[in-house]
Amino acid sequence: MKQLAIDMLEKNIIPFWKSMRDNKHGGFFGLLDIDLNLYPEADKGCILNSRILWFFSEAARVLKRADLLEDACHAYSFLTQHCIDKTHGGVYWSVTYDGQPADMTKHTYNQAFAIYALSAYFEASGDRNALDLANNLFEMIEKRCTDANGYGEAYTRAFLPESNEKLSENGVIADKTMNTLLHVFEAYSGLYRATKNPDVAEKMSRILDTFVDKVYNPKLKRQEVFFDAGWNSLIDLTSYGHDIESSWLIEWGCGMLGDESLSKRVSEICSALAESVYDRAYRENSLRNECEHGVEDEKRIWWVQAEAVVGFLNMASKHPMQKKYLQAAVGILGFIGEKIVDKRPGSEWLSEVMPDGSHTGNRKPIVEEWKCPYHNGRMCLEILDRSQE
């Protein structure tokens, strides 16, 4: 698996994202369509830029490549110069191709990814300014993006609450989402790894309590996805991708805290999540997308497959006698190489395919605000860390 991961990084993911670098206006181009047409004047999503910053920072640190650190520096410069609101603080949702504010929504999810990226950039570069900015965003989330029941979602430029269309799907508008909670925890985990700040650890523990008590459904062995303001679930929905991602990512963060009792409780839930995903969603060397009101979505989504590889590798390390998890990780990695990686020159991964590798009929872009080197790049880096061969 290690050689496959190295090949994916060095022959596909890294060169592709280097080619998306905008050397004229800064940052990285925001849109490449399914026909590989580049739109250099498309808006640039700040989540996209943060995720690119995170990827090049982590890849530079792990692979010890100075050229990747320079790409990270390019992303960092664009983030700090254009994506940060100098008046009200926080990170915009998107900016224009030349760095002017476009969508000025302040979403908690977006602030979290900036923290995650800045923490990784600090670890790769040693730039204390990046860490200071990450700490400022942490304090801002805790001050402006919280309520009596945890974390809010969408806010205006001046941090007044607004409707959460951006992270609501499946016909509901959610006051709280599992997705935002997960990625705030992820961001805080990255910040804690870089700083060992006890205030960050305390907030991580609080999030884990919410995960255990509000988000995880022990009867159905899944996370609920969309909630009202009081953490009441709004829809019968299982997100296999988020469940398998959470099964390793939450355990990774929890393990930093040094609380054996909490780690044991969280680890058991994470194993239950991964086992349930394996039983319900692993078919034909790949993972289904989701199940809504009992109806399975058979599309194979790029990021779901990437997170499944890591999640099942994590299960294989926890339960080495159960060979099915390692076999699943290897099988899905093969599926990715055969059917998700786009073989056309100048492309990267397809967004979604059917189980046989055929098109779904949706002409989703190769690059857009959510399509980035975060999930697939992280999968490769995790394989290098976890796999023995």
Protein backbone atom coordinates (compact mmCIF):
# COMPACT_ATOMS: atom_id res chain seq x y z
CA MET A 1 0.00 0.00 0.00
CA LYS A 2 2.85 2.39 0.74
CA GLN A 3 4.14 2.34 -2.84
CA LEU A 4 0.64 2.92 -4.20
CA ALA A 5 0.25 5.89 -1.86
CA ILE A 6 3.62 7.32 -2.89
CA ASP A 7 2.71 6.91 -6.57
CA MET A 8 -0.66 8.62 -6.07
CA LEU A 9 1.00 11.52 -4.31
CA GLU A 10 3.97 11.99 -6.60
CA LYS A 11 2.39 11.16 -9.95
CA ASN A 12 -1.15 12.44 -9.54
CA ILE A 13 -2.16 14.56 -6.54
CA ILE A 14 0.91 16.75 -5.99
CA PRO A 15 1.62 17.62 -9.64
CA PHE A 16 -2.06 18.29 -10.32
CA TRP A 17 -2.45 20.74 -7.45
CA LYS A 18 0.81 22.44 -8.30
CA SER A 19 -0.70 23.05 -11.74
CA MET A 20 -3.70 24.78 -10.10
CA ARG A 21 -1.49 27.45 -8.58
CA ASP A 22 -2.42 30.98 -9.64
CA ASN A 23 0.89 32.80 -9.84
CA LYS A 24 -0.68 36.02 -11.12
CA HIS A 25 -3.40 36.69 -8.54
CA GLY A 26 -2.36 34.37 -5.71
CA GLY A 27 -3.87 31.28 -4.22
CA PHE A 28 -5.12 28.44 -6.38
CA PHE A 29 -7.66 28.41 -9.17
CA GLY A 30 -11.22 27.83 -7.99
CA LEU A 31 -12.80 25.87 -10.84
CA LEU A 32 -11.79 23.17 -13.33
CA ASP A 33 -14.81 21.53 -14.92
CA ILE A 34 -15.35 17.89 -15.84
CA ASP A 35 -14.08 18.59 -19.38
CA LEU A 36 -10.87 20.01 -17.90
CA ASN A 37 -11.73 23.58 -18.83
CA LEU A 38 -10.05 25.97 -16.41
CA TYR A 39 -11.92 29.09 -15.28
CA PRO A 40 -9.16 31.41 -14.05
CA GLU A 41 -11.63 34.14 -13.06
CA ALA A 42 -13.89 31.89 -10.99
CA ASP A 43 -14.33 32.73 -7.31
CA LYS A 44 -11.90 31.05 -4.93
CA GLY A 45 -13.44 29.21 -2.02
CA CYS A 46 -11.68 29.90 1.27
CA ILE A 47 -12.31 26.32 2.38
CA LEU A 48 -10.55 25.20 -0.79
CA ASN A 49 -7.58 27.47 -0.06
CA SER A 50 -7.37 26.33 3.58
CA ARG A 51 -7.44 22.68 2.58
CA ILE A 52 -4.73 23.24 -0.03
CA LEU A 53 -2.65 25.02 2.63
CA TRP A 54 -3.18 22.08 4.99
CA PHE A 55 -2.21 19.53 2.33
CA PHE A 56 0.99 21.18 1.15
CA SER A 57 2.01 21.88 4.75
CA GLU A 58 1.51 18.27 5.86
CA ALA A 59 3.06 16.84 2.69
CA ALA A 60 6.09 19.11 3.10
CA ARG A 61 6.51 18.02 6.72
CA VAL A 62 6.07 14.30 6.06
CA LEU A 63 7.95 14.08 2.74
CA LYS A 64 10.57 16.68 3.74
CA ARG A 65 10.26 18.53 0.44
CA ALA A 66 11.14 22.22 0.34
CA ASP A 67 9.18 22.77 -2.87
CA LEU A 68 5.97 21.70 -1.14
CA LEU A 69 6.62 24.09 1.72
CA GLU A 70 6.95 26.88 -0.85
CA ASP A 71 3.52 25.90 -2.27
CA ALA A 72 2.16 26.01 1.27
CA CYS A 73 3.67 29.47 1.72
CA HIS A 74 1.89 30.59 -1.45
CA ALA A 75 -1.45 29.38 -0.04
CA TYR A 76 -0.69 30.94 3.35
CA SER A 77 -0.01 34.33 1.78
CA PHE A 78 -3.34 34.29 -0.05
CA LEU A 79 -5.22 33.22 3.06
CA THR A 80 -3.75 35.93 5.25
CA GLN A 81 -3.91 38.70 2.65
CA HIS A 82 -7.34 38.02 1.14
CA CYS A 83 -9.45 35.45 3.01
CA ILE A 84 -9.28 37.06 6.45
CA ASP A 85 -11.74 39.88 7.17
CA LYS A 86 -9.57 42.73 8.44
CA THR A 87 -12.62 44.59 9.81
CA HIS A 88 -14.73 42.01 11.64
CA GLY A 89 -12.26 39.13 11.87
CA GLY A 90 -12.74 35.57 10.72
CA VAL A 91 -12.56 33.92 7.32
CA TYR A 92 -14.88 34.70 4.42
CA TRP A 93 -16.70 31.91 2.59
CA SER A 94 -15.18 32.93 -0.76
CA VAL A 95 -13.30 35.68 -2.55
CA THR A 96 -13.03 36.69 -6.19
CA TYR A 97 -10.26 35.40 -8.40
CA ASP A 98 -8.17 38.47 -7.53
CA GLY A 99 -8.85 38.29 -3.80
CA GLN A 100 -11.77 40.63 -3.17
CA PRO A 101 -14.55 39.53 -0.79
CA ALA A 102 -17.27 37.59 -2.66
CA ASP A 103 -19.45 35.63 -0.22
CA MET A 104 -18.86 37.22 3.18
CA THR A 105 -20.67 34.54 5.19
CA LYS A 106 -18.72 33.56 8.30
CA HIS A 107 -19.32 29.84 8.81
CA THR A 108 -17.94 28.00 11.82
CA TYR A 109 -16.88 25.15 9.53
CA ASN A 110 -14.77 27.55 7.50
CA GLN A 111 -13.10 29.07 10.55
CA ALA A 112 -12.24 25.57 11.73
CA PHE A 113 -10.50 24.62 8.51
CA ALA A 114 -8.38 27.74 8.66
CA ILE A 115 -7.25 26.72 12.17
CA TYR A 116 -6.44 23.21 10.93
CA ALA A 117 -4.43 24.59 8.02
CA LEU A 118 -2.60 27.27 9.98
CA SER A 119 -1.61 24.78 12.68
CA ALA A 120 -0.17 22.45 10.06
CA TYR A 121 1.66 25.33 8.37
CA PHE A 122 3.20 26.35 11.69
CA GLU A 123 4.43 22.80 12.27
CA ALA A 124 5.94 22.68 8.79
CA SER A 125 7.42 26.18 8.68
CA GLY A 126 7.87 27.34 12.27
CA ASP A 127 6.13 30.62 11.40
CA ARG A 128 4.79 31.96 14.72
CA ASN A 129 2.48 34.38 12.93
CA ALA A 130 0.52 31.42 11.56
CA LEU A 131 0.14 30.00 15.05
CA ASP A 132 -0.94 33.36 16.44
CA LEU A 133 -3.64 33.58 13.78
CA ALA A 134 -4.79 30.02 14.52
CA ASN A 135 -5.08 30.90 18.21
CA ASN A 136 -7.01 34.06 17.39
CA LEU A 137 -9.49 32.08 15.29
CA PHE A 138 -9.86 29.55 18.09
CA GLU A 139 -10.74 32.31 20.53
CA MET A 140 -13.09 33.86 17.98
CA ILE A 141 -15.01 30.60 17.51
CA GLU A 142 -15.38 30.21 21.25
CA LYS A 143 -16.57 33.80 21.64
CA ARG A 144 -18.74 34.30 18.56
CA CYS A 145 -19.79 30.90 17.22
CA THR A 146 -21.14 29.20 20.34
CA ASP A 147 -24.42 29.08 22.21
CA ALA A 148 -25.77 27.28 25.28
CA ASN A 149 -25.82 23.96 23.38
CA GLY A 150 -22.50 24.08 21.57
CA TYR A 151 -21.43 25.46 18.22
CA GLY A 152 -23.56 27.46 15.84
CA GLU A 153 -23.21 27.25 12.08
CA ALA A 154 -23.69 30.23 9.76
CA TYR A 155 -23.19 33.91 10.54
CA THR A 156 -23.20 37.22 8.73
CA ARG A 157 -20.00 39.15 8.15
CA ALA A 158 -20.46 40.77 11.58
CA PHE A 159 -21.21 37.40 13.23
CA LEU A 160 -24.98 37.67 13.55
CA PRO A 161 -26.64 34.23 13.20
CA GLU A 162 -28.16 33.43 9.80
CA SER A 163 -29.75 30.43 8.07
CA ASN A 164 -27.47 27.45 7.50
CA GLU A 165 -28.10 26.57 3.84
CA LYS A 166 -24.40 26.03 3.19
CA LEU A 167 -24.10 22.92 5.37
CA SER A 168 -27.68 21.67 5.16
CA GLU A 169 -28.79 19.08 2.61
CA ASN A 170 -31.44 16.42 2.06
CA GLY A 171 -34.30 18.89 2.32
CA VAL A 172 -33.63 20.19 5.84
CA ILE A 173 -32.11 23.37 7.26
CA ALA A 174 -30.07 22.47 10.32
CA ASP A 175 -29.28 24.63 13.32
CA LYS A 176 -26.47 22.24 14.19
CA THR A 177 -24.64 19.61 12.17
CA MET A 178 -22.47 16.63 12.91
CA ASN A 179 -20.20 17.79 10.09
CA THR A 180 -19.32 21.14 11.64
CA LEU A 181 -18.83 19.60 15.09
CA LEU A 182 -16.49 16.97 13.63
CA HIS A 183 -14.33 19.51 11.87
CA VAL A 184 -14.16 21.90 14.78
CA PHE A 185 -12.84 18.93 16.76
CA GLU A 186 -10.40 18.12 13.97
CA ALA A 187 -9.17 21.71 13.88
CA TYR A 188 -8.75 21.87 17.64
CA SER A 189 -6.88 18.55 17.53
CA GLY A 190 -4.42 20.00 15.02
CA LEU A 191 -4.02 23.12 17.14
CA TYR A 192 -3.53 21.07 20.29
CA ARG A 193 -0.88 18.94 18.59
CA ALA A 194 0.99 22.14 17.75
CA THR A 195 0.58 23.90 21.11
CA LYS A 196 -0.54 21.52 23.90
CA ASN A 197 -2.75 24.39 25.06
CA PRO A 198 -4.92 23.14 27.98
CA ASP A 199 -7.76 25.49 26.95
CA VAL A 200 -7.92 23.74 23.60
CA ALA A 201 -7.87 20.35 25.32
CA GLU A 202 -10.78 21.37 27.52
CA LYS A 203 -12.85 22.35 24.47
CA MET A 204 -11.94 19.08 22.74
CA SER A 205 -13.22 17.14 25.76
CA ARG A 206 -16.45 19.12 25.67
CA ILE A 207 -16.93 18.28 22.00
CA LEU A 208 -16.33 14.59 22.72
CA ASP A 209 -19.07 14.69 25.36
CA THR A 210 -21.44 16.09 22.75
CA PHE A 211 -20.38 13.42 20.27
CA VAL A 212 -21.04 10.66 22.79
CA ASP A 213 -24.25 12.05 24.29
CA LYS A 214 -25.93 13.87 21.40
CA VAL A 215 -24.52 12.86 18.02
CA TYR A 216 -23.85 9.13 18.30
CA ASN A 217 -26.93 6.93 18.10
CA PRO A 218 -26.07 3.71 20.00
CA LYS A 219 -29.21 1.93 18.82
CA LEU A 220 -28.48 2.45 15.13
CA LYS A 221 -24.67 2.57 15.54
CA ARG A 222 -24.40 5.73 13.50
CA GLN A 223 -24.03 9.46 13.91
CA GLU A 224 -27.09 11.57 13.40
CA VAL A 225 -26.39 14.23 10.79
CA PHE A 226 -28.69 17.26 11.00
CA PHE A 227 -30.16 18.71 14.20
CA ASP A 228 -32.34 21.48 15.52
CA ALA A 229 -30.95 23.90 18.10
CA GLY A 230 -31.53 21.38 20.91
CA TRP A 231 -29.68 18.50 19.20
CA ASN A 232 -32.85 16.73 18.08
CA SER A 233 -32.26 14.82 14.84
CA LEU A 234 -34.14 16.19 11.83
CA ILE A 235 -33.92 13.29 9.40
CA ASP A 236 -33.42 9.53 9.10
CA LEU A 237 -30.04 9.66 7.39
CA THR A 238 -26.83 7.66 7.63
CA SER A 239 -23.75 9.29 6.13
CA TYR A 240 -21.35 6.41 5.62
CA GLY A 241 -18.50 8.73 4.65
CA HIS A 242 -18.75 10.86 7.76
CA ASP A 243 -19.16 7.81 9.98
CA ILE A 244 -16.03 6.12 8.70
CA GLU A 245 -14.10 9.42 8.74
CA SER A 246 -15.18 10.06 12.32
CA SER A 247 -14.24 6.53 13.36
CA TRP A 248 -10.54 7.30 12.98
CA LEU A 249 -10.39 11.10 13.17
CA ILE A 250 -12.16 11.40 16.52
CA GLU A 251 -10.00 8.63 17.95
CA TRP A 252 -6.86 10.39 16.68
CA GLY A 253 -7.75 13.62 18.45
CA CYS A 254 -8.98 11.94 21.61
CA GLY A 255 -5.74 10.01 21.91
CA MET A 256 -3.79 13.25 22.38
CA LEU A 257 -5.64 14.12 25.58
CA GLY A 258 -4.19 11.35 27.71
CA ASP A 259 -7.52 10.47 29.34
CA GLU A 260 -7.61 6.66 29.41
CA SER A 261 -11.24 6.41 30.50
CA LEU A 262 -12.44 8.80 27.80
CA SER A 263 -10.25 7.16 25.17
CA LYS A 264 -11.71 3.74 25.98
CA ARG A 265 -15.26 5.00 25.70
CA VAL A 266 -14.60 6.89 22.47
CA SER A 267 -12.64 4.00 20.95
CA GLU A 268 -15.54 1.61 21.53
CA ILE A 269 -17.94 3.96 19.78
CA CYS A 270 -15.51 4.50 16.91
CA SER A 271 -15.15 0.74 16.44
CA ALA A 272 -18.93 0.37 16.44
CA LEU A 273 -19.21 3.07 13.76
CA ALA A 274 -16.61 1.47 11.53
CA GLU A 275 -18.06 -2.02 11.98
CA SER A 276 -21.52 -0.76 11.07
CA VAL A 277 -20.18 0.99 7.96
CA TYR A 278 -18.40 -2.19 6.91
CA ASP A 279 -21.54 -4.28 7.33
CA ARG A 280 -23.95 -1.83 5.70
CA ALA A 281 -21.98 0.03 3.08
CA TYR A 282 -18.91 -1.94 1.94
CA ARG A 283 -19.79 -3.54 -1.39
CA GLU A 284 -17.74 -4.36 -4.49
CA ASN A 285 -14.47 -3.04 -3.03
CA SER A 286 -15.99 0.37 -2.41
CA LEU A 287 -18.33 2.26 -0.11
CA ARG A 288 -21.87 3.42 -0.69
CA ASN A 289 -22.54 7.10 -0.17
CA GLU A 290 -25.44 7.30 2.30
CA CYS A 291 -28.82 5.91 3.27
CA GLU A 292 -31.84 8.22 3.56
CA HIS A 293 -35.12 6.84 4.93
CA GLY A 294 -33.93 3.31 4.16
CA VAL A 295 -32.97 4.06 0.55
CA GLU A 296 -29.31 3.38 -0.28
CA ASP A 297 -27.40 5.83 -2.45
CA GLU A 298 -25.09 3.63 -4.52
CA LYS A 299 -22.88 6.40 -5.89
CA ARG A 300 -19.21 6.05 -5.04
CA ILE A 301 -18.03 9.47 -3.91
CA TRP A 302 -14.31 10.29 -4.11
CA TRP A 303 -13.83 11.50 -0.55
CA VAL A 304 -15.92 8.69 0.97
CA GLN A 305 -13.58 6.12 -0.59
CA ALA A 306 -10.49 7.97 0.68
CA GLU A 307 -11.78 8.15 4.25
CA ALA A 308 -12.84 4.49 4.12
CA VAL A 309 -9.26 3.42 3.40
CA VAL A 310 -8.02 5.22 6.51
CA GLY A 311 -10.95 4.14 8.66
CA PHE A 312 -10.49 0.47 7.83
CA LEU A 313 -6.73 0.71 8.27
CA ASN A 314 -7.42 2.10 11.73
CA MET A 315 -9.72 -0.84 12.46
CA ALA A 316 -7.11 -3.28 11.18
CA SER A 317 -4.59 -1.89 13.68
CA LYS A 318 -7.12 -2.12 16.54
CA HIS A 319 -8.40 -5.59 15.60
CA PRO A 320 -5.52 -7.34 13.80
CA MET A 321 -7.18 -10.75 13.96
CA GLN A 322 -10.08 -9.49 11.86
CA LYS A 323 -8.41 -9.58 8.44
CA LYS A 324 -11.50 -8.20 6.70
CA TYR A 325 -10.63 -4.61 7.56
CA LEU A 326 -7.18 -4.66 6.00
CA GLN A 327 -8.63 -6.48 2.99
CA ALA A 328 -11.28 -3.78 2.68
CA ALA A 329 -8.68 -1.00 2.83
CA VAL A 330 -6.62 -2.69 0.13
CA GLY A 331 -9.71 -3.35 -1.97
CA ILE A 332 -10.94 0.24 -1.81
CA LEU A 333 -7.48 1.60 -2.63
CA GLY A 334 -7.52 -0.61 -5.72
CA PHE A 335 -10.99 0.66 -6.64
CA ILE A 336 -9.74 4.24 -6.31
CA GLY A 337 -6.78 3.55 -8.57
CA GLU A 338 -8.90 1.85 -11.20
CA LYS A 339 -12.10 3.89 -11.20
CA ILE A 340 -11.75 7.16 -9.28
CA VAL A 341 -8.34 8.38 -10.40
CA ASP A 342 -8.96 10.13 -13.74
CA LYS A 343 -6.54 8.82 -16.36
CA ARG A 344 -6.78 11.89 -18.58
CA PRO A 345 -3.63 14.04 -18.64
CA GLY A 346 -4.09 17.18 -16.57
CA SER A 347 -6.75 15.72 -14.29
CA GLU A 348 -6.87 14.29 -10.76
CA TRP A 349 -9.78 12.29 -9.21
CA LEU A 350 -13.35 12.09 -10.47
CA SER A 351 -15.94 13.32 -7.97
CA GLU A 352 -18.25 10.33 -8.22
CA VAL A 353 -18.82 7.12 -10.17
CA MET A 354 -21.17 4.18 -10.07
CA PRO A 355 -19.94 0.86 -8.58
CA ASP A 356 -18.80 -0.35 -12.01
CA GLY A 357 -16.86 2.87 -12.61
CA SER A 358 -19.36 4.36 -15.04
CA HIS A 359 -20.44 7.99 -14.86
CA THR A 360 -23.30 8.89 -12.55
CA GLY A 361 -24.70 11.42 -14.99
CA ASN A 362 -23.69 14.32 -12.78
CA ARG A 363 -21.03 16.49 -14.40
CA LYS A 364 -19.30 17.51 -11.21
CA PRO A 365 -16.06 19.50 -11.58
CA ILE A 366 -12.57 18.22 -10.92
CA VAL A 367 -11.90 21.36 -8.84
CA GLU A 368 -14.48 23.42 -6.96
CA GLU A 369 -14.86 24.80 -3.46
CA TRP A 370 -15.26 21.32 -1.89
CA LYS A 371 -13.06 19.31 -4.28
CA CYS A 372 -9.50 19.52 -3.05
CA PRO A 373 -6.40 17.51 -2.01
CA TYR A 374 -7.51 17.23 1.62
CA HIS A 375 -9.24 13.83 1.74
CA ASN A 376 -7.19 12.01 -0.90
CA GLY A 377 -3.89 13.65 0.04
CA ARG A 378 -4.49 12.87 3.70
CA MET A 379 -5.35 9.27 2.82
CA CYS A 380 -1.96 8.86 1.17
CA LEU A 381 -0.12 10.45 4.09
CA GLU A 382 -2.00 8.27 6.57
CA ILE A 383 -1.11 5.15 4.57
CA LEU A 384 2.55 6.12 4.76
CA ASP A 385 2.22 6.44 8.53
CA ARG A 386 0.08 3.36 9.17
CA SER A 387 0.90 0.74 6.56
CA GLN A 388 3.75 -1.73 6.98
CA GLU A 389 4.17 -2.50 3.29
